PDB file of all heavy atoms in Angstrom:
ATOM      1  N   GLU A   1     -31.701 -38.350 -40.421  1.00  0.00           N
ATOM      2  CA  GLU A   1     -30.497 -37.947 -41.145  1.00  0.00           C
ATOM      3  C   GLU A   1     -30.655 -36.532 -41.702  1.00  0.00           C
ATOM      4  O   GLU A   1     -29.755 -35.694 -41.575  1.00  0.00           O
ATOM      5  CB  GLU A   1     -30.222 -38.936 -42.296  1.00  0.00           C
ATOM      6  CG  GLU A   1     -28.971 -38.625 -43.092  1.00  0.00           C
ATOM      7  CD  GLU A   1     -28.769 -39.582 -44.267  1.00  0.00           C
ATOM      8  OE1 GLU A   1     -29.621 -40.482 -44.457  1.00  0.00           O
ATOM      9  OE2 GLU A   1     -27.777 -39.404 -44.989  1.00  0.00           O
ATOM     10  N   PHE A   2     -31.807 -36.267 -42.308  1.00  0.00           N
ATOM     11  CA  PHE A   2     -32.073 -34.938 -42.873  1.00  0.00           C
ATOM     12  C   PHE A   2     -32.113 -33.885 -41.766  1.00  0.00           C
ATOM     13  O   PHE A   2     -31.578 -32.782 -41.913  1.00  0.00           O
ATOM     14  CB  PHE A   2     -33.397 -34.962 -43.636  1.00  0.00           C
ATOM     15  CG  PHE A   2     -33.744 -33.667 -44.315  1.00  0.00           C
ATOM     16  CD1 PHE A   2     -33.109 -33.297 -45.489  1.00  0.00           C
ATOM     17  CD2 PHE A   2     -34.700 -32.813 -43.775  1.00  0.00           C
ATOM     18  CE1 PHE A   2     -33.418 -32.088 -46.127  1.00  0.00           C
ATOM     19  CE2 PHE A   2     -35.021 -31.608 -44.394  1.00  0.00           C
ATOM     20  CZ  PHE A   2     -34.376 -31.249 -45.574  1.00  0.00           C
ATOM     21  N   ALA A   3     -32.742 -34.238 -40.640  1.00  0.00           N
ATOM     22  CA  ALA A   3     -32.856 -33.307 -39.520  1.00  0.00           C
ATOM     23  C   ALA A   3     -31.494 -33.008 -38.902  1.00  0.00           C
ATOM     24  O   ALA A   3     -31.202 -31.860 -38.537  1.00  0.00           O
ATOM     25  CB  ALA A   3     -33.795 -33.873 -38.467  1.00  0.00           C
ATOM     26  N   ARG A   4     -30.676 -34.029 -38.754  1.00  0.00           N
ATOM     27  CA  ARG A   4     -29.332 -33.820 -38.194  1.00  0.00           C
ATOM     28  C   ARG A   4     -28.540 -32.839 -39.051  1.00  0.00           C
ATOM     29  O   ARG A   4     -27.935 -31.886 -38.553  1.00  0.00           O
ATOM     30  CB  ARG A   4     -28.585 -35.148 -38.123  1.00  0.00           C
ATOM     31  CG  ARG A   4     -28.853 -35.987 -36.894  1.00  0.00           C
ATOM     32  CD  ARG A   4     -28.057 -37.258 -37.008  1.00  0.00           C
ATOM     33  NE  ARG A   4     -28.171 -38.103 -35.832  1.00  0.00           N
ATOM     34  CZ  ARG A   4     -28.000 -39.411 -35.859  1.00  0.00           C
ATOM     35  NH1 ARG A   4     -27.716 -40.022 -36.996  1.00  0.00           N
ATOM     36  NH2 ARG A   4     -28.101 -40.123 -34.749  1.00  0.00           N
ATOM     37  N   LYS A   5     -28.517 -33.095 -40.316  1.00  0.00           N
ATOM     38  CA  LYS A   5     -27.692 -32.313 -41.229  1.00  0.00           C
ATOM     39  C   LYS A   5     -28.139 -30.853 -41.299  1.00  0.00           C
ATOM     40  O   LYS A   5     -27.306 -29.941 -41.341  1.00  0.00           O
ATOM     41  CB  LYS A   5     -27.752 -32.948 -42.627  1.00  0.00           C
ATOM     42  CG  LYS A   5     -26.819 -32.312 -43.658  1.00  0.00           C
ATOM     43  CD  LYS A   5     -27.049 -32.918 -45.028  1.00  0.00           C
ATOM     44  CE  LYS A   5     -26.897 -34.432 -45.028  1.00  0.00           C
ATOM     45  NZ  LYS A   5     -27.134 -35.022 -46.375  1.00  0.00           N
ATOM     46  N   ASN A   6     -29.428 -30.643 -41.294  1.00  0.00           N
ATOM     47  CA  ASN A   6     -29.953 -29.313 -41.601  1.00  0.00           C
ATOM     48  C   ASN A   6     -30.509 -28.533 -40.408  1.00  0.00           C
ATOM     49  O   ASN A   6     -30.738 -27.335 -40.512  1.00  0.00           O
ATOM     50  CB  ASN A   6     -31.054 -29.436 -42.656  1.00  0.00           C
ATOM     51  CG  ASN A   6     -30.538 -29.978 -43.970  1.00  0.00           C
ATOM     52  OD1 ASN A   6     -29.830 -29.288 -44.697  1.00  0.00           O
ATOM     53  ND2 ASN A   6     -30.870 -31.233 -44.266  1.00  0.00           N
ATOM     54  N   LEU A   7     -30.712 -29.219 -39.271  1.00  0.00           N
ATOM     55  CA  LEU A   7     -31.310 -28.534 -38.129  1.00  0.00           C
ATOM     56  C   LEU A   7     -30.576 -28.843 -36.824  1.00  0.00           C
ATOM     57  O   LEU A   7     -30.073 -27.941 -36.148  1.00  0.00           O
ATOM     58  CB  LEU A   7     -32.793 -28.922 -38.005  1.00  0.00           C
ATOM     59  CG  LEU A   7     -33.585 -28.225 -36.905  1.00  0.00           C
ATOM     60  CD1 LEU A   7     -33.669 -26.720 -37.164  1.00  0.00           C
ATOM     61  CD2 LEU A   7     -34.991 -28.830 -36.783  1.00  0.00           C
ATOM     62  N   PHE A   8     -30.491 -30.114 -36.468  1.00  0.00           N
ATOM     63  CA  PHE A   8     -29.949 -30.474 -35.164  1.00  0.00           C
ATOM     64  C   PHE A   8     -28.455 -30.188 -35.025  1.00  0.00           C
ATOM     65  O   PHE A   8     -28.021 -29.619 -34.016  1.00  0.00           O
ATOM     66  CB  PHE A   8     -30.226 -31.947 -34.858  1.00  0.00           C
ATOM     67  CG  PHE A   8     -31.687 -32.278 -34.727  1.00  0.00           C
ATOM     68  CD1 PHE A   8     -32.161 -33.535 -35.069  1.00  0.00           C
ATOM     69  CD2 PHE A   8     -32.596 -31.346 -34.261  1.00  0.00           C
ATOM     70  CE1 PHE A   8     -33.508 -33.856 -34.940  1.00  0.00           C
ATOM     71  CE2 PHE A   8     -33.945 -31.642 -34.128  1.00  0.00           C
ATOM     72  CZ  PHE A   8     -34.400 -32.910 -34.475  1.00  0.00           C
ATOM     73  N   ASP A   9     -27.663 -30.595 -36.006  1.00  0.00           N
ATOM     74  CA  ASP A   9     -26.223 -30.359 -35.902  1.00  0.00           C
ATOM     75  C   ASP A   9     -25.881 -28.870 -35.831  1.00  0.00           C
ATOM     76  O   ASP A   9     -25.064 -28.470 -34.984  1.00  0.00           O
ATOM     77  CB  ASP A   9     -25.472 -31.033 -37.051  1.00  0.00           C
ATOM     78  CG  ASP A   9     -25.390 -32.550 -36.889  1.00  0.00           C
ATOM     79  OD1 ASP A   9     -25.789 -33.051 -35.816  1.00  0.00           O
ATOM     80  OD2 ASP A   9     -24.938 -33.229 -37.830  1.00  0.00           O
ATOM     81  N   PRO A  10     -26.447 -28.019 -36.686  1.00  0.00           N
ATOM     82  CA  PRO A  10     -26.160 -26.582 -36.569  1.00  0.00           C
ATOM     83  C   PRO A  10     -26.565 -25.992 -35.219  1.00  0.00           C
ATOM     84  O   PRO A  10     -25.929 -25.060 -34.731  1.00  0.00           O
ATOM     85  CB  PRO A  10     -26.983 -25.962 -37.707  1.00  0.00           C
ATOM     86  CG  PRO A  10     -27.145 -27.057 -38.697  1.00  0.00           C
ATOM     87  CD  PRO A  10     -27.253 -28.311 -37.889  1.00  0.00           C
ATOM     88  N   LEU A  11     -27.634 -26.540 -34.607  1.00  0.00           N
ATOM     89  CA  LEU A  11     -28.087 -26.065 -33.305  1.00  0.00           C
ATOM     90  C   LEU A  11     -27.373 -26.766 -32.149  1.00  0.00           C
ATOM     91  O   LEU A  11     -27.635 -26.455 -30.985  1.00  0.00           O
ATOM     92  CB  LEU A  11     -29.604 -26.288 -33.162  1.00  0.00           C
ATOM     93  CG  LEU A  11     -30.520 -25.497 -34.098  1.00  0.00           C
ATOM     94  CD1 LEU A  11     -31.979 -25.856 -33.828  1.00  0.00           C
ATOM     95  CD2 LEU A  11     -30.315 -24.001 -33.944  1.00  0.00           C
ATOM     96  N   GLU A  12     -26.484 -27.701 -32.476  1.00  0.00           N
ATOM     97  CA  GLU A  12     -25.778 -28.503 -31.481  1.00  0.00           C
ATOM     98  C   GLU A  12     -26.759 -29.255 -30.575  1.00  0.00           C
ATOM     99  O   GLU A  12     -26.622 -29.293 -29.351  1.00  0.00           O
ATOM    100  CB  GLU A  12     -24.820 -27.629 -30.656  1.00  0.00           C
ATOM    101  CG  GLU A  12     -23.723 -27.021 -31.507  1.00  0.00           C
ATOM    102  CD  GLU A  12     -22.719 -26.208 -30.696  1.00  0.00           C
ATOM    103  OE1 GLU A  12     -22.929 -26.021 -29.483  1.00  0.00           O
ATOM    104  OE2 GLU A  12     -21.724 -25.738 -31.289  1.00  0.00           O
ATOM    105  N   ILE A  13     -27.743 -29.855 -31.231  1.00  0.00           N
ATOM    106  CA  ILE A  13     -28.691 -30.745 -30.555  1.00  0.00           C
ATOM    107  C   ILE A  13     -28.303 -32.176 -30.910  1.00  0.00           C
ATOM    108  O   ILE A  13     -28.263 -32.538 -32.091  1.00  0.00           O
ATOM    109  CB  ILE A  13     -30.141 -30.463 -31.003  1.00  0.00           C
ATOM    110  CG1 ILE A  13     -30.581 -29.074 -30.526  1.00  0.00           C
ATOM    111  CG2 ILE A  13     -31.096 -31.534 -30.479  1.00  0.00           C
ATOM    112  CD1 ILE A  13     -31.942 -28.646 -31.050  1.00  0.00           C
ATOM    113  N   GLU A  14     -28.020 -32.972 -29.908  1.00  0.00           N
ATOM    114  CA  GLU A  14     -27.582 -34.344 -30.145  1.00  0.00           C
ATOM    115  C   GLU A  14     -28.759 -35.316 -30.060  1.00  0.00           C
ATOM    116  O   GLU A  14     -29.423 -35.413 -29.039  1.00  0.00           O
ATOM    117  CB  GLU A  14     -26.531 -34.762 -29.116  1.00  0.00           C
ATOM    118  CG  GLU A  14     -26.029 -36.183 -29.336  1.00  0.00           C
ATOM    119  CD  GLU A  14     -25.212 -36.705 -28.152  1.00  0.00           C
ATOM    120  OE1 GLU A  14     -25.582 -36.424 -27.001  1.00  0.00           O
ATOM    121  OE2 GLU A  14     -24.230 -37.406 -28.406  1.00  0.00           O
ATOM    122  N   LEU A  15     -29.016 -35.996 -31.154  1.00  0.00           N
ATOM    123  CA  LEU A  15     -29.971 -37.111 -31.156  1.00  0.00           C
ATOM    124  C   LEU A  15     -29.198 -38.337 -31.624  1.00  0.00           C
ATOM    125  O   LEU A  15     -28.768 -38.404 -32.775  1.00  0.00           O
ATOM    126  CB  LEU A  15     -31.160 -36.811 -32.084  1.00  0.00           C
ATOM    127  CG  LEU A  15     -32.533 -36.811 -31.398  1.00  0.00           C
ATOM    128  CD1 LEU A  15     -32.576 -35.702 -30.364  1.00  0.00           C
ATOM    129  CD2 LEU A  15     -33.658 -36.632 -32.388  1.00  0.00           C
ATOM    130  N   LYS A  16     -29.030 -39.303 -30.740  1.00  0.00           N
ATOM    131  CA  LYS A  16     -28.094 -40.398 -30.993  1.00  0.00           C
ATOM    132  C   LYS A  16     -28.548 -41.359 -32.079  1.00  0.00           C
ATOM    133  O   LYS A  16     -27.724 -41.919 -32.795  1.00  0.00           O
ATOM    134  CB  LYS A  16     -27.828 -41.156 -29.687  1.00  0.00           C
ATOM    135  CG  LYS A  16     -26.949 -40.381 -28.717  1.00  0.00           C
ATOM    136  CD  LYS A  16     -26.560 -41.214 -27.508  1.00  0.00           C
ATOM    137  CE  LYS A  16     -25.587 -40.460 -26.619  1.00  0.00           C
ATOM    138  NZ  LYS A  16     -25.218 -41.222 -25.395  1.00  0.00           N
ATOM    139  N   GLY A  17     -29.857 -41.612 -32.188  1.00  0.00           N
ATOM    140  CA  GLY A  17     -30.268 -42.557 -33.216  1.00  0.00           C
ATOM    141  C   GLY A  17     -31.729 -42.906 -33.144  1.00  0.00           C
ATOM    142  O   GLY A  17     -32.521 -42.269 -32.442  1.00  0.00           O
ATOM    143  N   ASP A  18     -32.092 -43.941 -33.901  1.00  0.00           N
ATOM    144  CA  ASP A  18     -33.475 -44.396 -33.948  1.00  0.00           C
ATOM    145  C   ASP A  18     -33.828 -45.188 -32.697  1.00  0.00           C
ATOM    146  O   ASP A  18     -32.990 -45.897 -32.137  1.00  0.00           O
ATOM    147  CB  ASP A  18     -33.698 -45.289 -35.172  1.00  0.00           C
ATOM    148  CG  ASP A  18     -33.505 -44.531 -36.486  1.00  0.00           C
ATOM    149  OD1 ASP A  18     -33.713 -43.306 -36.489  1.00  0.00           O
ATOM    150  OD2 ASP A  18     -33.144 -45.171 -37.485  1.00  0.00           O
ATOM    151  N   ILE A  19     -35.078 -45.082 -32.296  1.00  0.00           N
ATOM    152  CA  ILE A  19     -35.589 -45.843 -31.162  1.00  0.00           C
ATOM    153  C   ILE A  19     -36.716 -46.741 -31.664  1.00  0.00           C
ATOM    154  O   ILE A  19     -37.711 -46.254 -32.199  1.00  0.00           O
ATOM    155  CB  ILE A  19     -36.125 -44.920 -30.053  1.00  0.00           C
ATOM    156  CG1 ILE A  19     -34.991 -44.047 -29.486  1.00  0.00           C
ATOM    157  CG2 ILE A  19     -36.784 -45.728 -28.941  1.00  0.00           C
ATOM    158  CD1 ILE A  19     -35.463 -42.994 -28.497  1.00  0.00           C
ATOM    159  N   SER A  20     -36.559 -48.043 -31.515  1.00  0.00           N
ATOM    160  CA  SER A  20     -37.590 -49.004 -31.925  1.00  0.00           C
ATOM    161  C   SER A  20     -38.365 -49.466 -30.696  1.00  0.00           C
ATOM    162  O   SER A  20     -37.763 -49.867 -29.694  1.00  0.00           O
ATOM    163  CB  SER A  20     -36.952 -50.215 -32.614  1.00  0.00           C
ATOM    164  OG  SER A  20     -36.304 -49.828 -33.810  1.00  0.00           O
ATOM    165  N   LEU A  21     -39.663 -49.406 -30.795  1.00  0.00           N
ATOM    166  CA  LEU A  21     -40.534 -49.853 -29.707  1.00  0.00           C
ATOM    167  C   LEU A  21     -41.315 -51.061 -30.208  1.00  0.00           C
ATOM    168  O   LEU A  21     -42.228 -50.929 -31.016  1.00  0.00           O
ATOM    169  CB  LEU A  21     -41.488 -48.720 -29.293  1.00  0.00           C
ATOM    170  CG  LEU A  21     -40.807 -47.411 -28.862  1.00  0.00           C
ATOM    171  CD1 LEU A  21     -41.844 -46.333 -28.615  1.00  0.00           C
ATOM    172  CD2 LEU A  21     -39.947 -47.632 -27.627  1.00  0.00           C
ATOM    173  N   CYS A  22     -40.920 -52.228 -29.737  1.00  0.00           N
ATOM    174  CA  CYS A  22     -41.425 -53.472 -30.324  1.00  0.00           C
ATOM    175  C   CYS A  22     -42.653 -54.041 -29.625  1.00  0.00           C
ATOM    176  O   CYS A  22     -43.159 -55.089 -30.011  1.00  0.00           O
ATOM    177  CB  CYS A  22     -40.313 -54.518 -30.336  1.00  0.00           C
ATOM    178  SG  CYS A  22     -38.848 -53.997 -31.250  1.00  0.00           S
ATOM    179  N   SER A  23     -43.112 -53.372 -28.570  1.00  0.00           N
ATOM    180  CA  SER A  23     -44.273 -53.884 -27.837  1.00  0.00           C
ATOM    181  C   SER A  23     -44.953 -52.739 -27.106  1.00  0.00           C
ATOM    182  O   SER A  23     -44.407 -51.645 -26.969  1.00  0.00           O
ATOM    183  CB  SER A  23     -43.835 -54.945 -26.814  1.00  0.00           C
ATOM    184  OG  SER A  23     -43.038 -54.353 -25.798  1.00  0.00           O
ATOM    185  N   GLU A  24     -46.158 -53.005 -26.638  1.00  0.00           N
ATOM    186  CA  GLU A  24     -46.889 -51.988 -25.875  1.00  0.00           C
ATOM    187  C   GLU A  24     -46.146 -51.670 -24.584  1.00  0.00           C
ATOM    188  O   GLU A  24     -46.119 -50.522 -24.140  1.00  0.00           O
ATOM    189  CB  GLU A  24     -48.304 -52.492 -25.555  1.00  0.00           C
ATOM    190  CG  GLU A  24     -49.178 -51.435 -24.887  1.00  0.00           C
ATOM    191  CD  GLU A  24     -50.611 -51.894 -24.718  1.00  0.00           C
ATOM    192  OE1 GLU A  24     -50.998 -52.915 -25.312  1.00  0.00           O
ATOM    193  OE2 GLU A  24     -51.339 -51.207 -23.976  1.00  0.00           O
ATOM    194  N   GLU A  25     -45.539 -52.688 -23.990  1.00  0.00           N
ATOM    195  CA  GLU A  25     -44.778 -52.476 -22.762  1.00  0.00           C
ATOM    196  C   GLU A  25     -43.582 -51.559 -23.019  1.00  0.00           C
ATOM    197  O   GLU A  25     -43.285 -50.673 -22.209  1.00  0.00           O
ATOM    198  CB  GLU A  25     -44.285 -53.813 -22.206  1.00  0.00           C
ATOM    199  CG  GLU A  25     -45.369 -54.725 -21.658  1.00  0.00           C
ATOM    200  CD  GLU A  25     -46.195 -55.404 -22.753  1.00  0.00           C
ATOM    201  OE1 GLU A  25     -45.733 -55.441 -23.933  1.00  0.00           O
ATOM    202  OE2 GLU A  25     -47.298 -55.884 -22.437  1.00  0.00           O
TER     203      GLU A  25
END
C-alpha cells in the first residue's frame, strides 16, 4: 500500500496485489 501510493502509482507501475505461497510447490 505504501509503495503503491508513493512509488509505483506515480511511476505507472501496476502491482495487482499480494501473492501467498502456501507450500514449497
